[in-house]
Amino acid sequence: MFKNKLDIIITSFLRPQALEDLLQSIYDYNPQLLDYITIGIQSKEKVENYKINGKEIKVIHQPWDCGLSYARNNLVKNTEREYILLLEDDFLFNSGTDIERMIFLLENNKDIGVVGGMVSEMGIEFNFNHRFELEEGGKRLRQVGDGDEWRSVDYYLGGKKITYKETGCVLNFAMFRRKIFQNHGWSNNQKLAEHTDFYYRWIKNIPNYKIVFCPDVKIDTLHTHSKGDYRVYKSRHLKYMKKFMKKNNLTHYIYREGFCYYLNPIDDKLYQTRENRDGKIL
């Protein structure tokens, strides 16, 4: 179904074992997908090629520490097919990683711009599944429940169904319609905290394309690979969250669970705090 329609892009930074495990899992569960993969490896020394079980994988060398946003945009520019599957290098395919369901939704719903799947770690499932709302004249950004109803559609024959719902943000296991990148993309200067920035700007840049979440398509992740030097670079998250908030003139970014980033306009510092049940920031 996906022949000549799909590109798979993987950004990789300081997690070579994770990348090898991901590619091995793809080989184990859906080896034909190896033909559609392009890896963007951020490294100080140029990586000419990459092989898994003798199969050569296309590699694009990325500048060292260029950040997730630059790396993804560069991968999009260097691929050309109609749909783009975004993967993190610490994902692992499993028997539920049926990406044809994502393609089916995109093929049959021209107003869908991206289909996100379910990510799990050690049996615990994760999803963002929220929308963004601005409060106090645009100074506060809040995550709210999407409130949309679940829908289901027949998936070929045999009584199979695909379940999905419209939302405002999905995880980085997602398949995009290439057309959205004509007017949208990741902000190159957001090395981290790029995810919130990307979906926050979606509504402004491409409001006619829907974001949908499909829990029927599953993938695993193993954060045990995230250690050593990788953690040092990842620890800059607060710096780039502050950059995102300042760029959009935000004082607060409030998560659904009550966690809150507060950018103090007096000392220009970013604080991590919480909102209580009465809506007061602690």
C-alpha atoms as a PDB file:
ATOM      1  CA  MET A   1       0.000   0.000   0.000  1.00  0.00           C
ATOM      2  CA  PHE A   2       2.827   2.411   0.849  1.00  0.00           C
ATOM      3  CA  LYS A   3       5.100   1.596  -2.089  1.00  0.00           C
ATOM      4  CA  ASN A   4       6.577   4.809  -3.536  1.00  0.00           C
ATOM      5  CA  LYS A   5       4.407   6.937  -1.202  1.00  0.00           C
ATOM      6  CA  LEU A   6       6.360   6.837   2.052  1.00  0.00           C
ATOM      7  CA  ASP A   7       9.566   8.277   3.492  1.00  0.00           C
ATOM      8  CA  ILE A   8      10.666   7.393   7.020  1.00  0.00           C
ATOM      9  CA  ILE A   9      12.901   9.938   8.753  1.00  0.00           C
ATOM     10  CA  ILE A  10      14.903   9.279  11.909  1.00  0.00           C
ATOM     11  CA  THR A  11      17.016  11.856  13.730  1.00  0.00           C
ATOM     12  CA  SER A  12      19.852  10.375  15.765  1.00  0.00           C
ATOM     13  CA  PHE A  13      22.071  12.066  18.334  1.00  0.00           C
ATOM     14  CA  LEU A  14      24.457  10.328  20.766  1.00  0.00           C
ATOM     15  CA  ARG A  15      22.389   7.137  20.959  1.00  0.00           C
ATOM     16  CA  PRO A  16      24.018   4.712  18.490  1.00  0.00           C
ATOM     17  CA  GLN A  17      22.836   1.589  20.317  1.00  0.00           C
ATOM     18  CA  ALA A  18      19.262   2.890  20.386  1.00  0.00           C
ATOM     19  CA  LEU A  19      19.385   3.526  16.636  1.00  0.00           C
ATOM     20  CA  GLU A  20      20.724   0.036  15.980  1.00  0.00           C
ATOM     21  CA  ASP A  21      17.971  -1.490  18.131  1.00  0.00           C
ATOM     22  CA  LEU A  22      15.282   0.510  16.298  1.00  0.00           C
ATOM     23  CA  LEU A  23      16.518  -0.586  12.874  1.00  0.00           C
ATOM     24  CA  GLN A  24      16.763  -4.200  14.041  1.00  0.00           C
ATOM     25  CA  SER A  25      13.149  -4.032  15.267  1.00  0.00           C
ATOM     26  CA  ILE A  26      12.029  -2.701  11.875  1.00  0.00           C
ATOM     27  CA  TYR A  27      13.940  -5.526  10.199  1.00  0.00           C
ATOM     28  CA  ASP A  28      12.235  -8.031  12.517  1.00  0.00           C
ATOM     29  CA  TYR A  29       8.651  -6.789  12.055  1.00  0.00           C
ATOM     30  CA  ASN A  30       8.541  -5.083   8.648  1.00  0.00           C
ATOM     31  CA  PRO A  31      11.860  -5.434   6.776  1.00  0.00           C
ATOM     32  CA  GLN A  32      10.603  -3.881   3.526  1.00  0.00           C
ATOM     33  CA  LEU A  33      10.406  -0.526   5.344  1.00  0.00           C
ATOM     34  CA  LEU A  34      14.205  -0.362   5.428  1.00  0.00           C
ATOM     35  CA  ASP A  35      14.066   0.772   1.789  1.00  0.00           C
ATOM     36  CA  TYR A  36      12.186   3.929   2.782  1.00  0.00           C
ATOM     37  CA  ILE A  37      14.381   5.115   5.676  1.00  0.00           C
ATOM     38  CA  THR A  38      16.604   8.194   5.774  1.00  0.00           C
ATOM     39  CA  ILE A  39      18.630   8.747   8.943  1.00  0.00           C
ATOM     40  CA  GLY A  40      19.940  12.151   9.985  1.00  0.00           C
ATOM     41  CA  ILE A  41      22.934  11.543  12.243  1.00  0.00           C
ATOM     42  CA  GLN A  42      24.391  14.469  14.173  1.00  0.00           C
ATOM     43  CA  SER A  43      28.064  13.644  14.598  1.00  0.00           C
ATOM     44  CA  LYS A  44      31.437  15.383  14.686  1.00  0.00           C
ATOM     45  CA  GLU A  45      32.760  12.980  12.058  1.00  0.00           C
ATOM     46  CA  LYS A  46      30.820  12.396   8.852  1.00  0.00           C
ATOM     47  CA  VAL A  47      28.983   9.091   8.669  1.00  0.00           C
ATOM     48  CA  GLU A  48      29.098   7.876   5.074  1.00  0.00           C
ATOM     49  CA  ASN A  49      26.820   4.841   5.330  1.00  0.00           C
ATOM     50  CA  TYR A  50      24.930   2.663   7.741  1.00  0.00           C
ATOM     51  CA  LYS A  51      24.014  -0.999   7.479  1.00  0.00           C
ATOM     52  CA  ILE A  52      21.692  -3.337   9.346  1.00  0.00           C
ATOM     53  CA  ASN A  53      21.970  -7.048   8.613  1.00  0.00           C
ATOM     54  CA  GLY A  54      23.817  -6.210   5.417  1.00  0.00           C
ATOM     55  CA  LYS A  55      21.129  -3.794   4.253  1.00  0.00           C
ATOM     56  CA  GLU A  56      22.431  -0.306   3.492  1.00  0.00           C
ATOM     57  CA  ILE A  57      20.393   2.579   4.910  1.00  0.00           C
ATOM     58  CA  LYS A  58      20.485   6.115   3.500  1.00  0.00           C
ATOM     59  CA  VAL A  59      22.263   8.559   5.814  1.00  0.00           C
ATOM     60  CA  ILE A  60      22.379  12.357   5.742  1.00  0.00           C
ATOM     61  CA  HIS A  61      25.119  13.871   7.866  1.00  0.00           C
ATOM     62  CA  GLN A  62      23.814  16.632  10.146  1.00  0.00           C
ATOM     63  CA  PRO A  63      25.931  19.364  11.739  1.00  0.00           C
ATOM     64  CA  TRP A  64      26.998  18.546  15.282  1.00  0.00           C
ATOM     65  CA  ASP A  65      24.413  19.676  17.862  1.00  0.00           C
ATOM     66  CA  CYS A  66      22.255  21.318  15.201  1.00  0.00           C
ATOM     67  CA  GLY A  67      19.148  20.424  17.224  1.00  0.00           C
ATOM     68  CA  LEU A  68      16.065  18.358  16.545  1.00  0.00           C
ATOM     69  CA  SER A  69      14.272  21.061  14.568  1.00  0.00           C
ATOM     70  CA  TYR A  70      17.065  21.710  12.073  1.00  0.00           C
ATOM     71  CA  ALA A  71      17.693  17.977  11.687  1.00  0.00           C
ATOM     72  CA  ARG A  72      14.037  17.185  10.946  1.00  0.00           C
ATOM     73  CA  ASN A  73      13.613  20.086   8.523  1.00  0.00           C
ATOM     74  CA  ASN A  74      16.739  18.968   6.699  1.00  0.00           C
ATOM     75  CA  LEU A  75      15.449  15.404   6.434  1.00  0.00           C
ATOM     76  CA  VAL A  76      12.123  16.650   5.039  1.00  0.00           C
ATOM     77  CA  LYS A  77      14.013  18.657   2.398  1.00  0.00           C
ATOM     78  CA  ASN A  78      16.055  15.608   1.423  1.00  0.00           C
ATOM     79  CA  THR A  79      13.087  13.285   0.918  1.00  0.00           C
ATOM     80  CA  GLU A  80      10.316  13.557  -1.631  1.00  0.00           C
ATOM     81  CA  ARG A  81       7.456  11.085  -1.194  1.00  0.00           C
ATOM     82  CA  GLU A  82       3.860  11.938  -0.338  1.00  0.00           C
ATOM     83  CA  TYR A  83       3.885  10.832   3.310  1.00  0.00           C
ATOM     84  CA  ILE A  84       6.580  11.181   5.979  1.00  0.00           C
ATOM     85  CA  LEU A  85       6.785   8.929   9.036  1.00  0.00           C
ATOM     86  CA  LEU A  86       8.688  10.588  11.888  1.00  0.00           C
ATOM     87  CA  LEU A  87      10.519   8.308  14.325  1.00  0.00           C
ATOM     88  CA  GLU A  88      12.772   8.915  17.326  1.00  0.00           C
ATOM     89  CA  ASP A  89      15.937   6.828  17.526  1.00  0.00           C
ATOM     90  CA  ASP A  90      14.860   5.235  20.833  1.00  0.00           C
ATOM     91  CA  PHE A  91      11.649   3.718  19.426  1.00  0.00           C
ATOM     92  CA  LEU A  92      11.132  -0.005  18.872  1.00  0.00           C
ATOM     93  CA  PHE A  93       8.697  -1.572  16.435  1.00  0.00           C
ATOM     94  CA  ASN A  94       6.397  -4.290  17.762  1.00  0.00           C
ATOM     95  CA  SER A  95       3.554  -6.433  16.417  1.00  0.00           C
ATOM     96  CA  GLY A  96       1.172  -3.470  16.781  1.00  0.00           C
ATOM     97  CA  THR A  97       3.235  -1.077  14.642  1.00  0.00           C
ATOM     98  CA  ASP A  98       0.848  -1.224  11.690  1.00  0.00           C
ATOM     99  CA  ILE A  99       1.696   2.014   9.885  1.00  0.00           C
ATOM    100  CA  GLU A 100      -0.587   1.150   6.965  1.00  0.00           C
ATOM    101  CA  ARG A 101      -3.451   2.287   9.198  1.00  0.00           C
ATOM    102  CA  MET A 102      -1.895   5.754   9.276  1.00  0.00           C
ATOM    103  CA  ILE A 103      -1.580   5.790   5.502  1.00  0.00           C
ATOM    104  CA  PHE A 104      -5.174   4.608   5.180  1.00  0.00           C
ATOM    105  CA  LEU A 105      -6.421   7.580   7.226  1.00  0.00           C
ATOM    106  CA  LEU A 106      -4.349  10.057   5.218  1.00  0.00           C
ATOM    107  CA  GLU A 107      -5.404   8.539   1.891  1.00  0.00           C
ATOM    108  CA  ASN A 108      -9.099   8.672   2.751  1.00  0.00           C
ATOM    109  CA  ASN A 109      -9.214  12.029   4.580  1.00  0.00           C
ATOM    110  CA  LYS A 110      -7.583  14.824   2.609  1.00  0.00           C
ATOM    111  CA  ASP A 111      -8.072  17.280   5.473  1.00  0.00           C
ATOM    112  CA  ILE A 112      -5.884  15.253   7.874  1.00  0.00           C
ATOM    113  CA  GLY A 113      -2.347  16.625   8.058  1.00  0.00           C
ATOM    114  CA  VAL A 114      -0.840  14.215  10.569  1.00  0.00           C
ATOM    115  CA  VAL A 115      -1.737  10.921  12.267  1.00  0.00           C
ATOM    116  CA  GLY A 116      -0.054  10.221  15.594  1.00  0.00           C
ATOM    117  CA  GLY A 117       0.175   6.783  17.183  1.00  0.00           C
ATOM    118  CA  MET A 118       0.460   5.375  20.706  1.00  0.00           C
ATOM    119  CA  VAL A 119       3.856   5.166  22.422  1.00  0.00           C
ATOM    120  CA  SER A 120       4.444   2.843  25.378  1.00  0.00           C
ATOM    121  CA  GLU A 121       7.308   2.101  27.747  1.00  0.00           C
ATOM    122  CA  MET A 122       7.320  -0.982  29.952  1.00  0.00           C
ATOM    123  CA  GLY A 123       3.596  -1.423  29.308  1.00  0.00           C
ATOM    124  CA  ILE A 124       2.699   2.179  30.240  1.00  0.00           C
ATOM    125  CA  GLU A 125       1.042   4.044  27.362  1.00  0.00           C
ATOM    126  CA  PHE A 126       1.663   7.717  26.599  1.00  0.00           C
ATOM    127  CA  ASN A 127      -0.081  10.281  24.427  1.00  0.00           C
ATOM    128  CA  PHE A 128      -0.373  14.064  24.378  1.00  0.00           C
ATOM    129  CA  ASN A 129      -3.953  14.196  23.173  1.00  0.00           C
ATOM    130  CA  HIS A 130      -4.643  17.832  24.042  1.00  0.00           C
ATOM    131  CA  ARG A 131      -5.333  21.220  22.503  1.00  0.00           C
ATOM    132  CA  PHE A 132      -3.900  24.640  23.298  1.00  0.00           C
ATOM    133  CA  GLU A 133      -5.872  27.576  24.678  1.00  0.00           C
ATOM    134  CA  LEU A 134      -4.664  31.113  25.356  1.00  0.00           C
ATOM    135  CA  GLU A 135      -5.791  32.982  28.487  1.00  0.00           C
ATOM    136  CA  GLU A 136      -5.288  36.458  29.977  1.00  0.00           C
ATOM    137  CA  GLY A 137      -4.959  38.248  26.686  1.00  0.00           C
ATOM    138  CA  GLY A 138      -2.588  35.668  25.258  1.00  0.00           C
ATOM    139  CA  LYS A 139      -0.135  35.603  28.165  1.00  0.00           C
ATOM    140  CA  ARG A 140      -1.058  32.134  29.441  1.00  0.00           C
ATOM    141  CA  LEU A 141      -0.906  29.011  27.311  1.00  0.00           C
ATOM    142  CA  ARG A 142      -2.870  26.069  28.667  1.00  0.00           C
ATOM    143  CA  GLN A 143      -3.204  22.442  27.633  1.00  0.00           C
ATOM    144  CA  VAL A 144      -6.860  21.384  27.649  1.00  0.00           C
ATOM    145  CA  GLY A 145      -8.570  18.099  26.862  1.00  0.00           C
ATOM    146  CA  ASP A 146      -9.401  17.788  23.186  1.00  0.00           C
ATOM    147  CA  GLY A 147     -13.048  16.918  23.902  1.00  0.00           C
ATOM    148  CA  ASP A 148     -13.486  15.326  20.495  1.00  0.00           C
ATOM    149  CA  GLU A 149     -15.429  12.122  20.066  1.00  0.00           C
ATOM    150  CA  TRP A 150     -13.789   8.887  19.033  1.00  0.00           C
ATOM    151  CA  ARG A 151     -14.535   7.838  15.485  1.00  0.00           C
ATOM    152  CA  SER A 152     -14.069   4.532  13.724  1.00  0.00           C
ATOM    153  CA  VAL A 153     -13.800   3.607  10.078  1.00  0.00           C
ATOM    154  CA  ASP A 154     -13.805   0.281   8.256  1.00  0.00           C
ATOM    155  CA  TYR A 155     -10.293  -0.825   7.433  1.00  0.00           C
ATOM    156  CA  TYR A 156     -10.466  -2.890   4.252  1.00  0.00           C
ATOM    157  CA  LEU A 157     -12.362  -6.158   4.649  1.00  0.00           C
ATOM    158  CA  GLY A 158     -12.878  -8.631   7.446  1.00  0.00           C
ATOM    159  CA  GLY A 159     -14.582  -6.303   9.905  1.00  0.00           C
ATOM    160  CA  LYS A 160     -11.408  -4.469  10.985  1.00  0.00           C
ATOM    161  CA  LYS A 161     -11.816  -0.929  12.304  1.00  0.00           C
ATOM    162  CA  ILE A 162      -9.511   2.024  12.790  1.00  0.00           C
ATOM    163  CA  THR A 163     -10.233   4.180  15.824  1.00  0.00           C
ATOM    164  CA  TYR A 164      -9.120   7.815  15.878  1.00  0.00           C
ATOM    165  CA  LYS A 165      -9.991  11.264  17.164  1.00  0.00           C
ATOM    166  CA  GLU A 166      -9.118  14.834  16.313  1.00  0.00           C
ATOM    167  CA  THR A 167      -6.764  16.559  18.755  1.00  0.00           C
ATOM    168  CA  GLY A 168      -4.254  19.405  18.926  1.00  0.00           C
ATOM    169  CA  CYS A 169      -0.954  17.630  19.532  1.00  0.00           C
ATOM    170  CA  VAL A 170       0.484  14.125  19.072  1.00  0.00           C
ATOM    171  CA  LEU A 171       3.736  12.413  19.992  1.00  0.00           C
ATOM    172  CA  ASN A 172       6.758  12.107  17.705  1.00  0.00           C
ATOM    173  CA  PHE A 173       5.579   8.756  16.376  1.00  0.00           C
ATOM    174  CA  ALA A 174       3.557  10.392  13.618  1.00  0.00           C
ATOM    175  CA  MET A 175       2.925  10.302   9.886  1.00  0.00           C
ATOM    176  CA  PHE A 176       2.635  13.616   8.049  1.00  0.00           C
ATOM    177  CA  ARG A 177       1.230  14.653   4.720  1.00  0.00           C
ATOM    178  CA  ARG A 178       4.170  16.261   2.913  1.00  0.00           C
ATOM    179  CA  LYS A 179       2.024  19.183   1.745  1.00  0.00           C
ATOM    180  CA  ILE A 180       1.875  20.636   5.257  1.00  0.00           C
ATOM    181  CA  PHE A 181       5.589  21.448   5.064  1.00  0.00           C
ATOM    182  CA  GLN A 182       4.952  23.936   2.278  1.00  0.00           C
ATOM    183  CA  ASN A 183       3.751  26.394   4.946  1.00  0.00           C
ATOM    184  CA  HIS A 184       4.946  24.834   8.181  1.00  0.00           C
ATOM    185  CA  GLY A 185       7.930  23.169   9.840  1.00  0.00           C
ATOM    186  CA  TRP A 186      10.019  23.086  12.976  1.00  0.00           C
ATOM    187  CA  SER A 187      11.693  26.312  14.130  1.00  0.00           C
ATOM    188  CA  ASN A 188      15.404  25.828  13.414  1.00  0.00           C
ATOM    189  CA  ASN A 189      16.479  27.779  16.505  1.00  0.00           C
ATOM    190  CA  GLN A 190      14.424  25.535  18.820  1.00  0.00           C
ATOM    191  CA  LYS A 191      16.954  22.787  19.494  1.00  0.00           C
ATOM    192  CA  LEU A 192      14.690  21.497  22.272  1.00  0.00           C
ATOM    193  CA  ALA A 193      11.104  22.246  23.384  1.00  0.00           C
ATOM    194  CA  GLU A 194      10.467  22.085  19.642  1.00  0.00           C
ATOM    195  CA  HIS A 195       7.378  19.930  19.981  1.00  0.00           C
ATOM    196  CA  THR A 196       5.157  22.468  21.737  1.00  0.00           C
ATOM    197  CA  ASP A 197       6.368  25.189  19.370  1.00  0.00           C
ATOM    198  CA  PHE A 198       5.559  23.065  16.296  1.00  0.00           C
ATOM    199  CA  TYR A 199       1.958  22.275  17.279  1.00  0.00           C
ATOM    200  CA  TYR A 200       1.281  25.690  18.827  1.00  0.00           C
ATOM    201  CA  ARG A 201       2.086  27.302  15.454  1.00  0.00           C
ATOM    202  CA  TRP A 202       0.134  24.661  13.474  1.00  0.00           C
ATOM    203  CA  ILE A 203      -3.216  26.418  13.964  1.00  0.00           C
ATOM    204  CA  LYS A 204      -1.793  29.718  12.707  1.00  0.00           C
ATOM    205  CA  ASN A 205       0.114  28.305   9.728  1.00  0.00           C
ATOM    206  CA  ILE A 206      -2.057  25.448   8.446  1.00  0.00           C
ATOM    207  CA  PRO A 207      -5.490  25.666  10.157  1.00  0.00           C
ATOM    208  CA  ASN A 208      -7.233  23.649   7.443  1.00  0.00           C
ATOM    209  CA  TYR A 209      -5.298  20.478   8.262  1.00  0.00           C
ATOM    210  CA  LYS A 210      -6.425  18.276  11.153  1.00  0.00           C
ATOM    211  CA  ILE A 211      -4.243  16.592  13.754  1.00  0.00           C
ATOM    212  CA  VAL A 212      -5.520  13.130  14.685  1.00  0.00           C
ATOM    213  CA  PHE A 213      -4.529  10.508  17.230  1.00  0.00           C
ATOM    214  CA  CYS A 214      -4.865   6.810  16.389  1.00  0.00           C
ATOM    215  CA  PRO A 215      -4.179   4.502  19.379  1.00  0.00           C
ATOM    216  CA  ASP A 216      -4.495   1.407  17.166  1.00  0.00           C
ATOM    217  CA  VAL A 217      -0.955   1.997  15.835  1.00  0.00           C
ATOM    218  CA  LYS A 218       1.566   1.298  18.591  1.00  0.00           C
ATOM    219  CA  ILE A 219       5.296   1.569  19.125  1.00  0.00           C
ATOM    220  CA  ASP A 220       7.590   1.036  22.132  1.00  0.00           C
ATOM    221  CA  THR A 221      10.296   3.285  23.546  1.00  0.00           C
ATOM    222  CA  LEU A 222      13.239   2.650  25.863  1.00  0.00           C
ATOM    223  CA  HIS A 223      14.564   5.706  27.667  1.00  0.00           C
ATOM    224  CA  THR A 224      17.341   3.591  29.196  1.00  0.00           C
ATOM    225  CA  HIS A 225      19.349   4.612  26.122  1.00  0.00           C
ATOM    226  CA  SER A 226      19.162   8.257  27.224  1.00  0.00           C
ATOM    227  CA  LYS A 227      22.240   8.555  29.406  1.00  0.00           C
ATOM    228  CA  GLY A 228      25.777   9.943  29.535  1.00  0.00           C
ATOM    229  CA  ASP A 229      26.524  12.828  27.181  1.00  0.00           C
ATOM    230  CA  TYR A 230      22.999  12.665  25.748  1.00  0.00           C
ATOM    231  CA  ARG A 231      21.547  13.689  29.118  1.00  0.00           C
ATOM    232  CA  VAL A 232      23.924  16.657  29.293  1.00  0.00           C
ATOM    233  CA  TYR A 233      22.620  18.032  26.003  1.00  0.00           C
ATOM    234  CA  LYS A 234      19.009  17.160  26.868  1.00  0.00           C
ATOM    235  CA  SER A 235      19.290  19.087  30.155  1.00  0.00           C
ATOM    236  CA  ARG A 236      19.118  22.355  28.177  1.00  0.00           C
ATOM    237  CA  HIS A 237      15.355  21.890  27.832  1.00  0.00           C
ATOM    238  CA  LEU A 238      14.560  24.806  30.175  1.00  0.00           C
ATOM    239  CA  LYS A 239      16.716  27.157  28.107  1.00  0.00           C
ATOM    240  CA  TYR A 240      14.727  26.376  24.978  1.00  0.00           C
ATOM    241  CA  MET A 241      11.370  26.365  26.743  1.00  0.00           C
ATOM    242  CA  LYS A 242      12.195  29.901  27.860  1.00  0.00           C
ATOM    243  CA  LYS A 243      13.078  30.796  24.257  1.00  0.00           C
ATOM    244  CA  PHE A 244       9.696  29.463  23.087  1.00  0.00           C
ATOM    245  CA  MET A 245       7.794  31.405  25.751  1.00  0.00           C
ATOM    246  CA  LYS A 246       9.620  34.683  25.158  1.00  0.00           C
ATOM    247  CA  LYS A 247       9.123  34.401  21.411  1.00  0.00           C
ATOM    248  CA  ASN A 248       5.369  34.120  21.965  1.00  0.00           C
ATOM    249  CA  ASN A 249       5.126  36.643  24.839  1.00  0.00           C
ATOM    250  CA  LEU A 250       3.958  33.988  27.304  1.00  0.00           C
ATOM    251  CA  THR A 251       4.268  34.215  31.087  1.00  0.00           C
ATOM    252  CA  HIS A 252       2.759  30.775  31.816  1.00  0.00           C
ATOM    253  CA  TYR A 253       2.573  27.399  30.123  1.00  0.00           C
ATOM    254  CA  ILE A 254       0.236  25.125  32.083  1.00  0.00           C
ATOM    255  CA  TYR A 255       0.035  21.378  31.530  1.00  0.00           C
ATOM    256  CA  ARG A 256      -3.181  19.398  31.912  1.00  0.00           C
ATOM    257  CA  GLU A 257      -1.829  17.761  35.075  1.00  0.00           C
ATOM    258  CA  GLY A 258      -1.248  21.162  36.714  1.00  0.00           C
ATOM    259  CA  PHE A 259       2.510  21.394  36.126  1.00  0.00           C
ATOM    260  CA  CYS A 260       3.434  24.927  35.070  1.00  0.00           C
ATOM    261  CA  TYR A 261       6.334  26.870  33.582  1.00  0.00           C
ATOM    262  CA  TYR A 262       6.348  30.464  34.808  1.00  0.00           C
ATOM    263  CA  LEU A 263       8.505  33.110  33.127  1.00  0.00           C
ATOM    264  CA  ASN A 264       8.948  35.907  35.656  1.00  0.00           C
ATOM    265  CA  PRO A 265       8.954  39.262  33.812  1.00  0.00           C
ATOM    266  CA  ILE A 266      10.861  40.891  36.699  1.00  0.00           C
ATOM    267  CA  ASP A 267      13.970  38.713  36.886  1.00  0.00           C
ATOM    268  CA  ASP A 268      13.527  37.079  33.427  1.00  0.00           C
ATOM    269  CA  LYS A 269      13.931  33.603  34.929  1.00  0.00           C
ATOM    270  CA  LEU A 270      11.927  30.491  34.130  1.00  0.00           C
ATOM    271  CA  TYR A 271      10.444  28.659  37.107  1.00  0.00           C
ATOM    272  CA  GLN A 272       8.830  25.237  37.361  1.00  0.00           C
ATOM    273  CA  THR A 273       5.795  25.254  39.613  1.00  0.00           C
ATOM    274  CA  ARG A 274       2.229  23.965  39.840  1.00  0.00           C
ATOM    275  CA  GLU A 275      -1.352  25.191  39.600  1.00  0.00           C
ATOM    276  CA  ASN A 276      -3.641  24.155  42.454  1.00  0.00           C
ATOM    277  CA  ARG A 277      -7.285  23.116  42.171  1.00  0.00           C
ATOM    278  CA  ASP A 278      -8.418  26.725  42.523  1.00  0.00           C
ATOM    279  CA  GLY A 279      -6.393  27.755  39.487  1.00  0.00           C
ATOM    280  CA  LYS A 280      -3.719  29.568  41.516  1.00  0.00           C
ATOM    281  CA  ILE A 281      -0.067  29.214  40.604  1.00  0.00           C
ATOM    282  CA  LEU A 282       1.936  27.987  43.603  1.00  0.00           C
END
